Amino acid sequence: MNPVVVLVTGAAGFAGSHLVEHLNSCGIHAVGWDRRQVDLLDRDTVRASMRQLRPAAIYHCAGAPHVASSWDNTTATLATNVRATDNLLDAVRRAGQPCRVLLTGSAMVYASTEEALTEDHRLMPSSPYGLSKLAQERLGRRSLVEDGIDVVLTRSFNHTGPRQDPSFAASGFARQLALIETGLAEPVLRVGNLEARRDLTDVRDTVRAYRLLLECGRPGEVYNVCSGIAYAVHEIVDGLLRRVTVPVRNEIDPARLRPSDTPVLLGSPARLRSTTGWTPEISFDRMLDDLLEYWRAAVRLV
């Protein structure tokens, strides 16, 4: 008898790669797609690949992940997050077998507020990225209602950890500091808005929430994936600076300031917790330790 197959799109990416590792550690047979294997923008290829694989469940992690770059790459962001998702859901429908799909969305669909966001908060994306993720959600809901596809939706808040691209704040700070420690960069940490506050979770906790939601989430329901704690960016910077072995000073880099920067992004994980029992297991300190150690090791290989 063939094993039950679970598909992870974006498997070579940050969250996708951690999710594949987590699923395999749980004894789940996870197959990963990345762009080199299956281009989700190629509808015919996606249909053919889906017919061949016939997964019982899909974690859709592929997509354009960056808010800031979406201002300069709006067309690509919309194509990668919207058209590719439509192709995936179309292929699931055409495959004609039961398949549960988790669409990993974003908290950037919400209207800005300093309160803890619940899933019922008003939606008003403030960036092309946020708009693309809201459109992705709408596609998922349409597929549930019109095609009967079993879709679960997340609105994921900020997460970080080993292997994250340095274009994201925490990972970028850690990489800069690893380069400074080894003498490959001047002792200046270039930063953006240090007062912004973000609900931040370790990626390994985030992907664990994804697995639990695919197993326990209600069809058509949306779930915040977040810690319920907002850290100011300067807390991340200060925490990393306490871990480095050389003196470093901060300097504002205008290139790191966004056209539209949400002052506070804080979520309520109450629905996620009541449905799955999930709580974060990796502390803020361990998250920073592991992130910096990852970049120290990466820098040594340069």
Protein backbone atom coordinates (compact mmCIF):
# COMPACT_ATOMS: atom_id res chain seq x y z
CA MET A 1 0.00 0.00 0.00
CA ASN A 2 1.41 3.42 -0.95
CA PRO A 3 2.10 5.78 1.96
CA VAL A 4 -0.09 8.85 2.42
CA VAL A 5 1.69 11.72 0.69
CA VAL A 6 1.75 15.26 2.05
CA LEU A 7 2.93 18.04 -0.26
CA VAL A 8 4.80 21.17 0.83
CA THR A 9 5.09 23.91 -1.79
CA GLY A 10 7.96 26.34 -1.38
CA ALA A 11 9.93 23.53 0.23
CA ALA A 12 13.29 25.19 -0.47
CA GLY A 13 12.18 28.40 1.22
CA PHE A 14 12.46 29.51 4.82
CA ALA A 15 9.26 28.23 6.44
CA GLY A 16 8.80 25.47 3.86
CA SER A 17 12.17 23.87 4.57
CA HIS A 18 11.56 23.91 8.32
CA LEU A 19 8.09 22.45 7.77
CA VAL A 20 9.45 19.54 5.71
CA GLU A 21 11.95 18.78 8.48
CA HIS A 22 9.24 18.97 11.13
CA LEU A 23 6.83 16.72 9.24
CA ASN A 24 9.53 14.13 8.58
CA SER A 25 10.48 14.17 12.26
CA CYS A 26 6.83 13.37 13.05
CA GLY A 27 6.90 10.36 10.72
CA ILE A 28 4.87 12.12 8.01
CA HIS A 29 5.89 11.41 4.41
CA ALA A 30 6.43 14.95 3.10
CA VAL A 31 7.22 15.68 -0.54
CA GLY A 32 8.56 19.13 -1.35
CA TRP A 33 8.09 21.21 -4.46
CA ASP A 34 10.29 24.18 -5.26
CA ARG A 35 10.40 26.35 -8.36
CA ARG A 36 13.06 24.22 -10.04
CA GLN A 37 10.82 21.15 -9.79
CA VAL A 38 7.33 22.59 -10.36
CA ASP A 39 6.79 26.18 -11.44
CA LEU A 40 3.44 27.09 -9.90
CA LEU A 41 2.95 29.78 -12.53
CA ASP A 42 2.86 27.08 -15.22
CA ARG A 43 -0.73 25.83 -15.02
CA ASP A 44 -0.24 22.77 -17.23
CA THR A 45 2.81 21.63 -15.28
CA VAL A 46 0.99 22.06 -11.98
CA ARG A 47 -1.98 20.04 -13.22
CA ALA A 48 0.21 17.22 -14.51
CA SER A 49 2.34 17.12 -11.36
CA MET A 50 -0.75 17.07 -9.12
CA ARG A 51 -2.29 14.18 -11.07
CA GLN A 52 0.92 12.23 -10.66
CA LEU A 53 1.49 12.94 -6.96
CA ARG A 54 -2.14 12.90 -5.74
CA PRO A 55 -1.37 14.16 -2.22
CA ALA A 56 -3.77 13.74 0.67
CA ALA A 57 -2.82 17.15 2.06
CA ILE A 58 -0.98 20.26 0.93
CA TYR A 59 0.83 22.97 2.87
CA HIS A 60 1.04 25.92 0.49
CA CYS A 61 4.13 27.82 1.65
CA ALA A 62 5.35 29.02 -1.75
CA GLY A 63 5.08 32.70 -2.50
CA ALA A 64 6.67 36.13 -2.53
CA PRO A 65 7.28 36.77 1.17
CA HIS A 66 8.63 40.29 1.43
CA VAL A 67 6.53 43.37 2.24
CA ALA A 68 9.15 45.99 1.40
CA SER A 69 10.12 44.58 -2.00
CA SER A 70 6.47 44.31 -3.03
CA TRP A 71 6.44 48.06 -3.68
CA ASP A 72 9.07 47.66 -6.39
CA ASN A 73 7.89 44.25 -7.64
CA THR A 74 4.12 44.53 -7.49
CA THR A 75 3.44 42.50 -10.63
CA ALA A 76 5.68 39.62 -9.57
CA THR A 77 4.25 39.66 -6.03
CA LEU A 78 0.68 39.43 -7.29
CA ALA A 79 1.56 36.70 -9.78
CA THR A 80 3.47 34.59 -7.26
CA ASN A 81 0.94 34.90 -4.45
CA VAL A 82 -2.33 34.99 -6.38
CA ARG A 83 -2.00 33.35 -9.79
CA ALA A 84 0.19 30.54 -8.45
CA THR A 85 -2.33 29.82 -5.68
CA ASP A 86 -5.14 29.76 -8.22
CA ASN A 87 -3.16 27.27 -10.33
CA LEU A 88 -2.58 25.05 -7.30
CA LEU A 89 -6.24 25.01 -6.24
CA ASP A 90 -7.33 24.43 -9.84
CA ALA A 91 -5.02 21.40 -10.01
CA VAL A 92 -6.40 20.03 -6.74
CA ARG A 93 -9.96 20.33 -8.08
CA ARG A 94 -9.05 18.61 -11.33
CA ALA A 95 -7.20 15.77 -9.55
CA GLY A 96 -10.60 14.73 -8.20
CA GLN A 97 -9.62 13.20 -4.87
CA PRO A 98 -10.01 14.43 -1.28
CA CYS A 99 -7.17 16.77 -0.34
CA ARG A 100 -6.90 19.15 2.61
CA VAL A 101 -5.07 22.41 1.83
CA LEU A 102 -3.48 24.82 4.30
CA LEU A 103 -2.94 28.25 2.75
CA THR A 104 -0.33 30.17 4.73
CA GLY A 105 -1.45 33.78 4.69
CA SER A 106 -0.31 36.93 6.42
CA ALA A 107 -1.30 39.34 9.18
CA MET A 108 -0.53 42.13 6.71
CA VAL A 109 -4.15 41.86 5.53
CA TYR A 110 -5.37 43.63 8.68
CA ALA A 111 -6.07 47.32 9.13
CA SER A 112 -3.47 48.94 11.37
CA THR A 113 -4.19 49.10 15.10
CA GLU A 114 -2.20 48.99 18.33
CA GLU A 115 -4.59 46.44 19.83
CA ALA A 116 -4.13 42.67 19.71
CA LEU A 117 -5.65 41.57 16.42
CA THR A 118 -8.27 38.84 16.38
CA GLU A 119 -9.41 37.13 13.22
CA ASP A 120 -12.54 39.33 13.21
CA HIS A 121 -10.59 42.60 12.94
CA ARG A 122 -11.18 44.83 9.93
CA LEU A 123 -9.20 43.96 6.78
CA MET A 124 -7.32 46.73 4.98
CA PRO A 125 -3.95 45.81 3.46
CA SER A 126 -1.46 48.69 3.31
CA SER A 127 1.01 47.18 0.82
CA PRO A 128 0.95 45.24 -2.45
CA TYR A 129 2.11 42.22 -0.45
CA GLY A 130 -0.84 42.48 1.95
CA LEU A 131 -3.23 42.89 -0.96
CA SER A 132 -1.84 39.76 -2.62
CA LYS A 133 -2.30 37.72 0.56
CA LEU A 134 -5.89 38.89 0.96
CA ALA A 135 -6.58 37.86 -2.64
CA GLN A 136 -5.01 34.48 -1.86
CA GLU A 137 -7.42 34.09 1.06
CA ARG A 138 -10.38 34.90 -1.16
CA LEU A 139 -9.30 32.23 -3.64
CA GLY A 140 -9.18 29.71 -0.82
CA ARG A 141 -12.67 30.58 0.35
CA ARG A 142 -14.01 30.41 -3.20
CA SER A 143 -12.48 26.96 -3.66
CA LEU A 144 -14.17 25.75 -0.49
CA VAL A 145 -17.61 27.10 -1.39
CA GLU A 146 -17.65 26.44 -5.14
CA ASP A 147 -15.36 23.41 -5.52
CA GLY A 148 -15.67 21.70 -2.15
CA ILE A 149 -11.93 21.79 -1.48
CA ASP A 150 -11.13 21.43 2.22
CA VAL A 151 -9.19 24.66 2.84
CA VAL A 152 -7.79 25.99 6.13
CA LEU A 153 -6.38 29.53 6.24
CA THR A 154 -3.70 31.16 8.36
CA ARG A 155 -2.79 34.77 8.97
CA SER A 156 0.77 34.32 10.05
CA PHE A 157 2.60 37.05 11.94
CA ASN A 158 6.35 37.66 11.90
CA HIS A 159 8.59 34.65 12.40
CA THR A 160 12.34 34.24 12.27
CA GLY A 161 15.04 31.66 12.79
CA PRO A 162 17.90 29.85 11.06
CA ARG A 163 17.97 30.07 7.25
CA GLN A 164 15.82 33.19 7.00
CA ASP A 165 16.82 35.54 4.20
CA PRO A 166 18.83 38.50 5.55
CA SER A 167 16.45 40.94 3.85
CA PHE A 168 14.25 40.37 6.91
CA ALA A 169 15.11 42.48 9.93
CA ALA A 170 16.18 40.02 12.64
CA SER A 171 18.07 37.77 10.24
CA GLY A 172 19.72 40.76 8.58
CA PHE A 173 20.90 42.10 11.93
CA ALA A 174 22.31 38.71 12.90
CA ARG A 175 24.17 38.38 9.60
CA GLN A 176 25.67 41.86 9.91
CA LEU A 177 26.89 41.09 13.43
CA ALA A 178 28.39 37.76 12.38
CA LEU A 179 30.33 39.56 9.64
CA ILE A 180 31.47 42.23 12.09
CA GLU A 181 32.68 39.63 14.60
CA THR A 182 34.92 38.04 11.97
CA GLY A 183 36.28 41.37 10.76
CA LEU A 184 34.52 41.16 7.39
CA ALA A 185 32.51 44.33 8.01
CA GLU A 186 33.03 47.58 9.88
CA PRO A 187 31.61 47.64 13.44
CA VAL A 188 28.42 49.46 12.45
CA LEU A 189 25.01 47.79 12.61
CA ARG A 190 22.75 49.38 10.01
CA VAL A 191 19.15 49.48 11.19
CA GLY A 192 15.74 50.85 10.21
CA ASN A 193 12.85 51.87 12.45
CA LEU A 194 13.78 50.63 15.92
CA GLU A 195 10.47 51.60 17.52
CA ALA A 196 8.21 49.37 15.42
CA ARG A 197 6.79 46.47 17.46
CA ARG A 198 6.21 43.04 15.98
CA ASP A 199 4.62 39.83 17.21
CA LEU A 200 7.54 37.48 16.66
CA THR A 201 7.62 33.68 16.79
CA ASP A 202 10.39 31.20 16.09
CA VAL A 203 9.83 29.54 12.71
CA ARG A 204 10.01 26.09 14.29
CA ASP A 205 7.01 26.96 16.46
CA THR A 206 5.25 28.46 13.44
CA VAL A 207 5.52 25.29 11.33
CA ARG A 208 4.39 23.20 14.28
CA ALA A 209 1.26 25.35 14.35
CA TYR A 210 0.79 24.68 10.63
CA ARG A 211 0.84 20.92 11.19
CA LEU A 212 -1.65 21.15 14.05
CA LEU A 213 -3.97 23.38 12.01
CA LEU A 214 -3.95 21.04 9.05
CA GLU A 215 -4.84 18.21 11.44
CA CYS A 216 -7.40 20.05 13.58
CA GLY A 217 -8.44 23.28 11.85
CA ARG A 218 -12.01 23.80 10.66
CA PRO A 219 -12.62 24.07 6.91
CA GLY A 220 -12.86 27.69 5.78
CA GLU A 221 -11.72 29.01 9.15
CA VAL A 222 -8.87 31.50 9.43
CA TYR A 223 -6.33 31.34 12.24
CA ASN A 224 -3.78 33.83 13.48
CA VAL A 225 -0.39 32.16 13.92
CA CYS A 226 1.39 34.34 16.45
CA SER A 227 2.81 34.46 19.96
CA GLY A 228 0.64 37.21 21.43
CA ILE A 229 3.78 39.18 22.40
CA ALA A 230 5.04 42.20 20.45
CA TYR A 231 8.75 43.00 20.64
CA ALA A 232 10.15 46.41 19.69
CA VAL A 233 12.81 46.13 17.00
CA HIS A 234 15.31 47.67 19.43
CA GLU A 235 14.72 44.72 21.78
CA ILE A 236 15.83 42.36 19.02
CA VAL A 237 18.84 44.55 18.25
CA ASP A 238 19.79 44.88 21.92
CA GLY A 239 19.42 41.14 22.46
CA LEU A 240 21.72 40.36 19.54
CA LEU A 241 24.25 43.01 20.59
CA ARG A 242 24.52 41.40 24.03
CA ARG A 243 25.64 38.21 22.31
CA VAL A 244 28.43 39.60 20.13
CA THR A 245 32.07 39.68 21.16
CA VAL A 246 33.11 43.09 19.76
CA PRO A 247 31.88 46.68 20.27
CA VAL A 248 29.28 47.71 17.69
CA ARG A 249 27.35 50.95 17.16
CA ASN A 250 23.98 51.44 15.45
CA GLU A 251 23.37 53.63 12.44
CA ILE A 252 20.05 54.39 10.73
CA ASP A 253 20.01 53.20 7.12
CA PRO A 254 17.36 55.06 5.05
CA ALA A 255 17.12 52.04 2.71
CA ARG A 256 15.70 50.03 5.62
CA LEU A 257 12.80 52.44 6.19
CA ARG A 258 9.59 51.28 4.50
CA PRO A 259 7.17 53.53 2.56
CA SER A 260 4.39 52.33 4.88
CA ASP A 261 5.52 50.90 8.20
CA THR A 262 2.91 49.59 10.64
CA PRO A 263 3.86 50.87 14.13
CA VAL A 264 2.49 47.82 15.97
CA LEU A 265 1.60 44.36 14.68
CA LEU A 266 0.31 42.20 17.53
CA GLY A 267 -1.95 39.19 17.24
CA SER A 268 -4.20 37.15 19.45
CA PRO A 269 -3.48 33.41 19.20
CA ALA A 270 -6.63 32.50 21.18
CA ARG A 271 -8.39 30.73 18.30
CA LEU A 272 -5.27 28.78 17.36
CA ARG A 273 -4.76 27.70 20.98
CA SER A 274 -8.37 26.71 21.61
CA THR A 275 -8.45 24.64 18.41
CA THR A 276 -5.05 22.93 18.63
CA GLY A 277 -3.60 23.47 22.12
CA TRP A 278 -0.54 25.12 20.51
CA THR A 279 1.74 27.36 22.53
CA PRO A 280 5.26 28.52 21.63
CA GLU A 281 8.02 26.25 22.90
CA ILE A 282 11.10 28.23 21.82
CA SER A 283 11.95 31.26 23.94
CA PHE A 284 12.94 34.68 22.65
CA ASP A 285 16.48 34.16 23.96
CA ARG A 286 16.89 30.77 22.30
CA MET A 287 15.49 32.18 19.06
CA LEU A 288 18.18 34.90 19.05
CA ASP A 289 20.90 32.42 20.08
CA ASP A 290 20.08 30.04 17.24
CA LEU A 291 19.71 32.81 14.68
CA LEU A 292 23.09 34.32 15.48
CA GLU A 293 24.80 30.92 15.62
CA TYR A 294 23.38 30.08 12.21
CA TRP A 295 24.91 33.21 10.69
CA ARG A 296 28.22 32.71 12.49
CA ALA A 297 28.46 29.27 10.90
CA ALA A 298 27.39 30.60 7.50
CA VAL A 299 29.98 33.39 7.62
CA ARG A 300 32.76 30.94 8.49
CA LEU A 301 32.00 29.12 5.23
CA VAL A 302 32.45 32.27 3.11
